[in-house]
Amino acid sequence: MDVQPLRPGAPGPRPGRRRRDRRGRGRRWDLIPPHLPGHRSRRERFDDLVAEAGAVLAERFPRRLEHLQVLVEEVPPSDPAPWDAPTVLLGRVIPSTREHPAQVIVYRRPLQTRCATEDELETLVRQVLSEQIGSLLNLPPEDVDPEAWAD
């Protein structure tokens, strides 16, 4: 909002005229237009990748994963649970309770630092999701998503 104090006797803003911004330089646009690939950030592309992979796995087991929530966090917590291994976590599963549905948490930064290309990242995300969902359903990860584990 452009607010200018009025001095006594000074003319007010002209009706019908809108200022575009405070210094009159015009509207600011995005540096990269939306139709170019660099418009979306790495975080947004990763979120889309996880959402697509989670939707594919939810279609494979529609009744058992009906209320599953797939979440993305930046990094694992610094105070891991006592049953967690002392290594860097790539994902975590939280079983359902009466208060909340089952949740699979995927950690973005550890996954992205392990991959050099987008294809490697997609494969690793699918593998992590299949491992976590497999532990939730008591199935081996290869049965949850066979394409992710094929060589």
N, C-alpha and C. Protein backbone atom coordinates (compact mmCIF):
# COMPACT_ATOMS: atom_id res chain seq x y z
N MET A 1 0.85 -1.16 0.00
CA MET A 1 0.00 0.00 0.00
C MET A 1 0.89 1.23 0.00
N ASP A 2 0.55 2.18 -0.83
CA ASP A 2 1.33 3.40 -0.96
C ASP A 2 0.66 4.49 -0.14
N VAL A 3 1.25 4.87 0.97
CA VAL A 3 0.68 5.89 1.85
C VAL A 3 1.64 7.06 1.88
N GLN A 4 1.13 8.22 1.52
CA GLN A 4 1.95 9.42 1.56
C GLN A 4 1.27 10.42 2.48
N PRO A 5 2.01 11.02 3.40
CA PRO A 5 1.40 12.02 4.27
C PRO A 5 1.06 13.27 3.46
N LEU A 6 -0.06 13.88 3.78
CA LEU A 6 -0.49 15.10 3.11
C LEU A 6 -0.06 16.30 3.94
N ARG A 7 0.54 17.26 3.28
CA ARG A 7 0.87 18.51 3.94
C ARG A 7 -0.32 19.45 3.77
N PRO A 8 -0.51 20.34 4.71
CA PRO A 8 -1.61 21.28 4.52
C PRO A 8 -1.41 22.09 3.24
N GLY A 9 -2.42 22.12 2.41
CA GLY A 9 -2.37 22.87 1.17
C GLY A 9 -1.78 22.09 0.01
N ALA A 10 -1.23 20.92 0.26
CA ALA A 10 -0.67 20.11 -0.83
C ALA A 10 -1.80 19.35 -1.51
N PRO A 11 -1.72 19.22 -2.82
CA PRO A 11 -2.78 18.47 -3.50
C PRO A 11 -2.70 17.00 -3.14
N GLY A 12 -3.84 16.39 -3.05
CA GLY A 12 -3.91 14.96 -2.74
C GLY A 12 -3.66 14.12 -3.98
N PRO A 13 -3.67 12.83 -3.84
CA PRO A 13 -3.46 11.98 -5.00
C PRO A 13 -4.60 12.15 -6.00
N ARG A 14 -4.24 12.07 -7.27
CA ARG A 14 -5.26 12.23 -8.30
C ARG A 14 -6.18 11.02 -8.32
N PRO A 15 -7.48 11.24 -8.43
CA PRO A 15 -8.40 10.11 -8.47
C PRO A 15 -8.17 9.30 -9.75
N GLY A 16 -8.29 7.98 -9.62
CA GLY A 16 -8.16 7.10 -10.76
C GLY A 16 -6.72 6.73 -11.09
N ARG A 17 -5.74 7.34 -10.48
CA ARG A 17 -4.34 7.03 -10.74
C ARG A 17 -3.82 6.11 -9.65
N ARG A 18 -3.28 4.99 -10.06
CA ARG A 18 -2.69 4.06 -9.10
C ARG A 18 -1.19 4.03 -9.31
N ARG A 19 -0.49 4.09 -8.23
CA ARG A 19 0.96 3.97 -8.32
C ARG A 19 1.32 2.51 -8.36
N ARG A 20 2.28 2.18 -9.17
CA ARG A 20 2.64 0.78 -9.34
C ARG A 20 3.51 0.26 -8.21
N ASP A 21 4.38 1.07 -7.73
CA ASP A 21 5.17 0.70 -6.57
C ASP A 21 5.77 1.97 -5.97
N ARG A 22 6.48 1.81 -4.91
CA ARG A 22 6.92 2.96 -4.13
C ARG A 22 7.86 3.89 -4.89
N ARG A 23 8.72 3.36 -5.72
CA ARG A 23 9.70 4.21 -6.41
C ARG A 23 9.38 4.41 -7.89
N GLY A 24 8.24 3.94 -8.34
CA GLY A 24 7.82 4.18 -9.71
C GLY A 24 8.57 3.39 -10.76
N ARG A 25 9.18 2.30 -10.40
CA ARG A 25 9.94 1.51 -11.37
C ARG A 25 9.08 0.48 -12.10
N GLY A 26 7.85 0.35 -11.71
CA GLY A 26 6.99 -0.61 -12.37
C GLY A 26 6.88 -1.90 -11.59
N ARG A 27 6.06 -2.76 -12.11
CA ARG A 27 5.81 -4.05 -11.47
C ARG A 27 7.04 -4.94 -11.59
N ARG A 28 7.27 -5.73 -10.57
CA ARG A 28 8.39 -6.67 -10.60
C ARG A 28 7.89 -8.02 -11.06
N TRP A 29 8.55 -8.58 -12.04
CA TRP A 29 8.18 -9.88 -12.56
C TRP A 29 9.16 -10.93 -12.07
N ASP A 30 8.78 -12.18 -12.27
CA ASP A 30 9.68 -13.27 -11.95
C ASP A 30 10.89 -13.20 -12.89
N LEU A 31 12.03 -13.61 -12.41
CA LEU A 31 13.21 -13.64 -13.26
C LEU A 31 13.10 -14.69 -14.35
N ILE A 32 12.47 -15.80 -14.01
CA ILE A 32 12.29 -16.88 -14.98
C ILE A 32 10.79 -17.05 -15.21
N PRO A 33 10.34 -16.96 -16.45
CA PRO A 33 8.91 -17.11 -16.73
C PRO A 33 8.42 -18.53 -16.40
N PRO A 34 7.12 -18.68 -16.11
CA PRO A 34 6.58 -19.98 -15.68
C PRO A 34 6.73 -21.10 -16.70
N HIS A 35 6.86 -20.79 -17.98
CA HIS A 35 6.93 -21.86 -18.98
C HIS A 35 8.34 -22.45 -19.11
N LEU A 36 9.32 -21.88 -18.44
CA LEU A 36 10.68 -22.42 -18.50
C LEU A 36 10.93 -23.36 -17.33
N PRO A 37 11.81 -24.36 -17.51
CA PRO A 37 12.01 -25.36 -16.46
C PRO A 37 12.57 -24.82 -15.15
N GLY A 38 13.31 -23.75 -15.16
CA GLY A 38 13.91 -23.24 -13.94
C GLY A 38 12.97 -22.45 -13.07
N HIS A 39 11.72 -22.32 -13.47
CA HIS A 39 10.76 -21.52 -12.71
C HIS A 39 10.46 -22.14 -11.34
N ARG A 40 10.38 -23.45 -11.29
CA ARG A 40 10.06 -24.13 -10.04
C ARG A 40 11.35 -24.41 -9.27
N SER A 41 11.29 -24.28 -7.96
CA SER A 41 12.47 -24.49 -7.13
C SER A 41 12.72 -25.99 -6.95
N ARG A 42 13.89 -26.31 -6.44
CA ARG A 42 14.22 -27.72 -6.17
C ARG A 42 13.26 -28.32 -5.15
N ARG A 43 12.87 -27.52 -4.18
CA ARG A 43 11.93 -27.98 -3.16
C ARG A 43 10.58 -28.31 -3.77
N GLU A 44 10.08 -27.46 -4.65
CA GLU A 44 8.79 -27.70 -5.29
C GLU A 44 8.84 -28.93 -6.19
N ARG A 45 9.94 -29.09 -6.93
CA ARG A 45 10.07 -30.28 -7.79
C ARG A 45 10.15 -31.54 -6.94
N PHE A 46 10.85 -31.49 -5.81
CA PHE A 46 10.94 -32.65 -4.94
C PHE A 46 9.58 -32.99 -4.34
N ASP A 47 8.84 -31.99 -3.91
CA ASP A 47 7.50 -32.23 -3.37
C ASP A 47 6.60 -32.90 -4.41
N ASP A 48 6.68 -32.44 -5.65
CA ASP A 48 5.89 -33.05 -6.72
C ASP A 48 6.31 -34.49 -6.96
N LEU A 49 7.61 -34.74 -6.93
CA LEU A 49 8.13 -36.09 -7.13
C LEU A 49 7.62 -37.04 -6.06
N VAL A 50 7.67 -36.62 -4.81
CA VAL A 50 7.20 -37.45 -3.71
C VAL A 50 5.69 -37.66 -3.79
N ALA A 51 4.95 -36.63 -4.15
CA ALA A 51 3.49 -36.75 -4.26
C ALA A 51 3.11 -37.74 -5.37
N GLU A 52 3.80 -37.67 -6.50
CA GLU A 52 3.51 -38.59 -7.60
C GLU A 52 3.84 -40.03 -7.21
N ALA A 53 5.01 -40.24 -6.60
CA ALA A 53 5.41 -41.59 -6.20
C ALA A 53 4.47 -42.14 -5.12
N GLY A 54 4.06 -41.29 -4.18
CA GLY A 54 3.12 -41.73 -3.15
C GLY A 54 1.76 -42.06 -3.72
N ALA A 55 1.32 -41.31 -4.72
CA ALA A 55 0.02 -41.59 -5.35
C ALA A 55 0.04 -42.91 -6.10
N VAL A 56 1.15 -43.19 -6.76
CA VAL A 56 1.27 -44.47 -7.48
C VAL A 56 1.20 -45.64 -6.51
N LEU A 57 1.90 -45.54 -5.39
CA LEU A 57 1.87 -46.62 -4.41
C LEU A 57 0.52 -46.73 -3.72
N ALA A 58 -0.15 -45.61 -3.51
CA ALA A 58 -1.48 -45.66 -2.90
C ALA A 58 -2.48 -46.32 -3.84
N GLU A 59 -2.27 -46.20 -5.15
CA GLU A 59 -3.14 -46.88 -6.11
C GLU A 59 -2.92 -48.38 -6.11
N ARG A 60 -1.73 -48.82 -5.77
CA ARG A 60 -1.44 -50.27 -5.72
C ARG A 60 -2.14 -50.94 -4.54
N PHE A 61 -2.28 -50.22 -3.44
CA PHE A 61 -2.92 -50.76 -2.23
C PHE A 61 -4.01 -49.77 -1.78
N PRO A 62 -5.10 -49.66 -2.54
CA PRO A 62 -6.07 -48.59 -2.24
C PRO A 62 -6.74 -48.70 -0.88
N ARG A 63 -7.10 -49.90 -0.45
CA ARG A 63 -7.79 -50.03 0.84
C ARG A 63 -6.84 -49.88 2.02
N ARG A 64 -5.66 -50.44 1.90
CA ARG A 64 -4.73 -50.43 3.04
C ARG A 64 -4.05 -49.08 3.23
N LEU A 65 -3.92 -48.31 2.14
CA LEU A 65 -3.27 -46.99 2.23
C LEU A 65 -4.27 -45.86 2.00
N GLU A 66 -5.50 -46.12 2.34
CA GLU A 66 -6.56 -45.15 2.09
C GLU A 66 -6.33 -43.83 2.84
N HIS A 67 -5.88 -43.91 4.06
CA HIS A 67 -5.71 -42.71 4.89
C HIS A 67 -4.25 -42.34 5.11
N LEU A 68 -3.34 -42.91 4.33
CA LEU A 68 -1.92 -42.64 4.49
C LEU A 68 -1.59 -41.20 4.13
N GLN A 69 -0.78 -40.56 4.95
CA GLN A 69 -0.28 -39.22 4.67
C GLN A 69 1.21 -39.33 4.35
N VAL A 70 1.60 -38.77 3.23
CA VAL A 70 3.01 -38.73 2.85
C VAL A 70 3.48 -37.30 3.03
N LEU A 71 4.45 -37.10 3.91
CA LEU A 71 4.93 -35.77 4.26
C LEU A 71 6.39 -35.62 3.85
N VAL A 72 6.80 -34.39 3.60
CA VAL A 72 8.19 -34.08 3.26
C VAL A 72 8.71 -33.10 4.30
N GLU A 73 9.86 -33.42 4.86
CA GLU A 73 10.55 -32.51 5.77
C GLU A 73 11.96 -32.29 5.23
N GLU A 74 12.55 -31.20 5.65
CA GLU A 74 13.88 -30.85 5.15
C GLU A 74 14.95 -31.83 5.63
N VAL A 75 15.07 -31.99 6.93
CA VAL A 75 16.10 -32.84 7.52
C VAL A 75 15.48 -33.65 8.65
N PRO A 76 16.10 -34.78 8.99
CA PRO A 76 15.60 -35.53 10.14
C PRO A 76 15.82 -34.77 11.43
N PRO A 77 15.06 -35.11 12.46
CA PRO A 77 15.26 -34.42 13.75
C PRO A 77 16.64 -34.73 14.31
N SER A 78 17.16 -33.79 15.07
CA SER A 78 18.50 -33.98 15.63
C SER A 78 18.50 -34.91 16.83
N ASP A 79 17.34 -35.16 17.40
CA ASP A 79 17.24 -36.09 18.52
C ASP A 79 16.43 -37.30 18.08
N PRO A 80 17.10 -38.30 17.46
CA PRO A 80 16.36 -39.46 16.96
C PRO A 80 15.79 -40.29 18.10
N ALA A 81 14.81 -41.07 17.76
CA ALA A 81 14.20 -41.97 18.74
C ALA A 81 15.22 -43.04 19.14
N PRO A 82 15.06 -43.63 20.32
CA PRO A 82 16.03 -44.64 20.77
C PRO A 82 16.12 -45.85 19.85
N TRP A 83 15.06 -46.16 19.13
CA TRP A 83 15.08 -47.33 18.27
C TRP A 83 15.63 -47.01 16.88
N ASP A 84 15.87 -45.74 16.57
CA ASP A 84 16.44 -45.37 15.28
C ASP A 84 17.93 -45.67 15.26
N ALA A 85 18.41 -46.06 14.10
CA ALA A 85 19.84 -46.31 13.93
C ALA A 85 20.60 -44.99 13.99
N PRO A 86 21.87 -45.00 14.38
CA PRO A 86 22.63 -43.75 14.48
C PRO A 86 23.07 -43.19 13.11
N THR A 87 22.50 -43.67 12.03
CA THR A 87 22.81 -43.15 10.70
C THR A 87 21.82 -42.06 10.32
N VAL A 88 22.07 -41.39 9.22
CA VAL A 88 21.17 -40.34 8.75
C VAL A 88 19.93 -41.00 8.17
N LEU A 89 18.78 -40.56 8.63
CA LEU A 89 17.52 -41.13 8.16
C LEU A 89 17.15 -40.54 6.81
N LEU A 90 16.62 -41.37 5.93
CA LEU A 90 16.10 -40.91 4.66
C LEU A 90 14.58 -40.81 4.70
N GLY A 91 13.99 -41.58 5.59
CA GLY A 91 12.54 -41.57 5.74
C GLY A 91 12.14 -42.21 7.05
N ARG A 92 10.89 -42.02 7.41
CA ARG A 92 10.38 -42.56 8.66
C ARG A 92 8.90 -42.86 8.49
N VAL A 93 8.44 -43.88 9.18
CA VAL A 93 7.02 -44.20 9.16
C VAL A 93 6.48 -44.08 10.58
N ILE A 94 5.30 -43.50 10.69
CA ILE A 94 4.62 -43.39 11.97
C ILE A 94 3.30 -44.13 11.82
N PRO A 95 3.12 -45.24 12.53
CA PRO A 95 1.88 -46.01 12.39
C PRO A 95 0.66 -45.21 12.84
N SER A 96 -0.48 -45.64 12.38
CA SER A 96 -1.72 -44.93 12.71
C SER A 96 -2.14 -45.20 14.15
N THR A 97 -2.79 -44.23 14.72
CA THR A 97 -3.38 -44.34 16.04
C THR A 97 -4.81 -43.82 15.93
N ARG A 98 -5.48 -43.73 17.05
CA ARG A 98 -6.83 -43.18 17.02
C ARG A 98 -6.84 -41.70 16.69
N GLU A 99 -5.77 -41.01 17.05
CA GLU A 99 -5.72 -39.57 16.85
C GLU A 99 -5.31 -39.16 15.44
N HIS A 100 -4.42 -39.93 14.79
CA HIS A 100 -3.95 -39.53 13.46
C HIS A 100 -3.73 -40.76 12.58
N PRO A 101 -3.86 -40.57 11.27
CA PRO A 101 -3.62 -41.69 10.35
C PRO A 101 -2.13 -41.99 10.23
N ALA A 102 -1.83 -43.07 9.56
CA ALA A 102 -0.43 -43.44 9.33
C ALA A 102 0.26 -42.36 8.50
N GLN A 103 1.53 -42.11 8.82
CA GLN A 103 2.29 -41.08 8.12
C GLN A 103 3.63 -41.66 7.67
N VAL A 104 4.01 -41.31 6.47
CA VAL A 104 5.35 -41.60 5.96
C VAL A 104 6.03 -40.26 5.76
N ILE A 105 7.18 -40.09 6.37
CA ILE A 105 7.93 -38.84 6.28
C ILE A 105 9.18 -39.10 5.45
N VAL A 106 9.38 -38.28 4.44
CA VAL A 106 10.55 -38.37 3.57
C VAL A 106 11.39 -37.11 3.82
N TYR A 107 12.69 -37.29 4.00
CA TYR A 107 13.58 -36.17 4.30
C TYR A 107 14.28 -35.72 3.01
N ARG A 108 14.05 -34.50 2.61
CA ARG A 108 14.48 -33.98 1.32
C ARG A 108 16.01 -33.83 1.21
N ARG A 109 16.63 -33.18 2.15
CA ARG A 109 18.05 -32.86 2.00
C ARG A 109 18.95 -34.10 1.96
N PRO A 110 18.78 -35.10 2.84
CA PRO A 110 19.63 -36.29 2.73
C PRO A 110 19.45 -37.02 1.40
N LEU A 111 18.24 -37.02 0.87
CA LEU A 111 18.02 -37.70 -0.41
C LEU A 111 18.67 -36.93 -1.55
N GLN A 112 18.53 -35.62 -1.55
CA GLN A 112 19.09 -34.85 -2.66
C GLN A 112 20.61 -34.84 -2.65
N THR A 113 21.22 -34.91 -1.48
CA THR A 113 22.68 -34.91 -1.45
C THR A 113 23.27 -36.23 -1.92
N ARG A 114 22.50 -37.29 -1.91
CA ARG A 114 22.98 -38.59 -2.34
C ARG A 114 22.82 -38.83 -3.84
N CYS A 115 22.14 -37.94 -4.54
CA CYS A 115 21.83 -38.17 -5.95
C CYS A 115 22.44 -37.08 -6.82
N ALA A 116 22.97 -37.50 -7.98
CA ALA A 116 23.57 -36.55 -8.91
C ALA A 116 22.58 -36.12 -9.99
N THR A 117 21.63 -36.98 -10.33
CA THR A 117 20.68 -36.65 -11.40
C THR A 117 19.25 -36.79 -10.89
N GLU A 118 18.34 -36.26 -11.67
CA GLU A 118 16.91 -36.35 -11.33
C GLU A 118 16.42 -37.79 -11.38
N ASP A 119 16.96 -38.59 -12.30
CA ASP A 119 16.55 -40.00 -12.40
C ASP A 119 16.98 -40.78 -11.16
N GLU A 120 18.20 -40.53 -10.69
CA GLU A 120 18.65 -41.19 -9.46
C GLU A 120 17.78 -40.77 -8.28
N LEU A 121 17.42 -39.51 -8.22
CA LEU A 121 16.59 -39.01 -7.14
C LEU A 121 15.21 -39.66 -7.18
N GLU A 122 14.64 -39.79 -8.36
CA GLU A 122 13.33 -40.44 -8.47
C GLU A 122 13.39 -41.89 -8.01
N THR A 123 14.43 -42.60 -8.41
CA THR A 123 14.58 -44.00 -8.00
C THR A 123 14.75 -44.10 -6.49
N LEU A 124 15.58 -43.25 -5.92
CA LEU A 124 15.82 -43.29 -4.47
C LEU A 124 14.55 -42.94 -3.69
N VAL A 125 13.80 -41.95 -4.16
CA VAL A 125 12.54 -41.60 -3.48
C VAL A 125 11.57 -42.77 -3.53
N ARG A 126 11.47 -43.42 -4.67
CA ARG A 126 10.57 -44.58 -4.77
C ARG A 126 11.03 -45.71 -3.87
N GLN A 127 12.35 -45.92 -3.75
CA GLN A 127 12.85 -46.97 -2.88
C GLN A 127 12.58 -46.66 -1.41
N VAL A 128 12.80 -45.41 -1.02
CA VAL A 128 12.55 -45.03 0.38
C VAL A 128 11.07 -45.17 0.70
N LEU A 129 10.21 -44.70 -0.20
CA LEU A 129 8.77 -44.84 0.03
C LEU A 129 8.34 -46.30 0.10
N SER A 130 8.89 -47.14 -0.78
CA SER A 130 8.52 -48.55 -0.74
C SER A 130 9.03 -49.23 0.52
N GLU A 131 10.21 -48.84 1.02
CA GLU A 131 10.70 -49.39 2.28
C GLU A 131 9.79 -49.00 3.45
N GLN A 132 9.42 -47.73 3.51
CA GLN A 132 8.61 -47.27 4.63
C GLN A 132 7.19 -47.84 4.57
N ILE A 133 6.61 -47.86 3.39
CA ILE A 133 5.26 -48.43 3.25
C ILE A 133 5.30 -49.93 3.46
N GLY A 134 6.39 -50.57 3.02
CA GLY A 134 6.54 -52.00 3.26
C GLY A 134 6.62 -52.33 4.75
N SER A 135 7.31 -51.50 5.52
CA SER A 135 7.37 -51.74 6.95
C SER A 135 6.01 -51.48 7.61
N LEU A 136 5.25 -50.59 7.04
CA LEU A 136 3.90 -50.31 7.55
C LEU A 136 2.94 -51.47 7.25
N LEU A 137 3.08 -52.08 6.07
CA LEU A 137 2.19 -53.15 5.64
C LEU A 137 2.75 -54.54 5.89
N ASN A 138 3.94 -54.63 6.48
CA ASN A 138 4.62 -55.91 6.71
C ASN A 138 4.85 -56.66 5.41
N LEU A 139 5.34 -55.94 4.41
CA LEU A 139 5.68 -56.52 3.11
C LEU A 139 7.12 -56.15 2.77
N PRO A 140 7.80 -56.99 1.99
CA PRO A 140 9.14 -56.59 1.54
C PRO A 140 9.03 -55.42 0.55
N PRO A 141 10.01 -54.53 0.54
CA PRO A 141 9.93 -53.36 -0.35
C PRO A 141 9.81 -53.74 -1.83
N GLU A 142 10.38 -54.88 -2.22
CA GLU A 142 10.32 -55.32 -3.61
C GLU A 142 8.89 -55.66 -4.02
N ASP A 143 8.06 -56.06 -3.06
CA ASP A 143 6.65 -56.35 -3.37
C ASP A 143 5.80 -55.09 -3.41
N VAL A 144 6.23 -54.06 -2.73
CA VAL A 144 5.48 -52.80 -2.71
C VAL A 144 5.67 -52.07 -4.03
N ASP A 145 6.91 -51.93 -4.48
CA ASP A 145 7.21 -51.25 -5.75
C ASP A 145 8.31 -52.00 -6.48
N PRO A 146 7.94 -53.02 -7.27
CA PRO A 146 8.98 -53.82 -7.95
C PRO A 146 9.82 -53.03 -8.95
N GLU A 147 9.23 -52.01 -9.59
CA GLU A 147 9.97 -51.25 -10.60
C GLU A 147 11.10 -50.44 -9.98
N ALA A 148 10.94 -50.01 -8.75
CA ALA A 148 11.97 -49.21 -8.09
C ALA A 148 13.20 -50.06 -7.76
N TRP A 149 13.01 -51.34 -7.58
CA TRP A 149 14.12 -52.21 -7.18
C TRP A 149 14.68 -53.02 -8.34
N ALA A 150 14.12 -52.86 -9.53
CA ALA A 150 14.63 -53.59 -10.70
C ALA A 150 15.94 -52.96 -11.15
N ASP A 151 16.90 -53.77 -11.51
CA ASP A 151 18.21 -53.25 -11.96
C ASP A 151 18.24 -53.06 -13.43
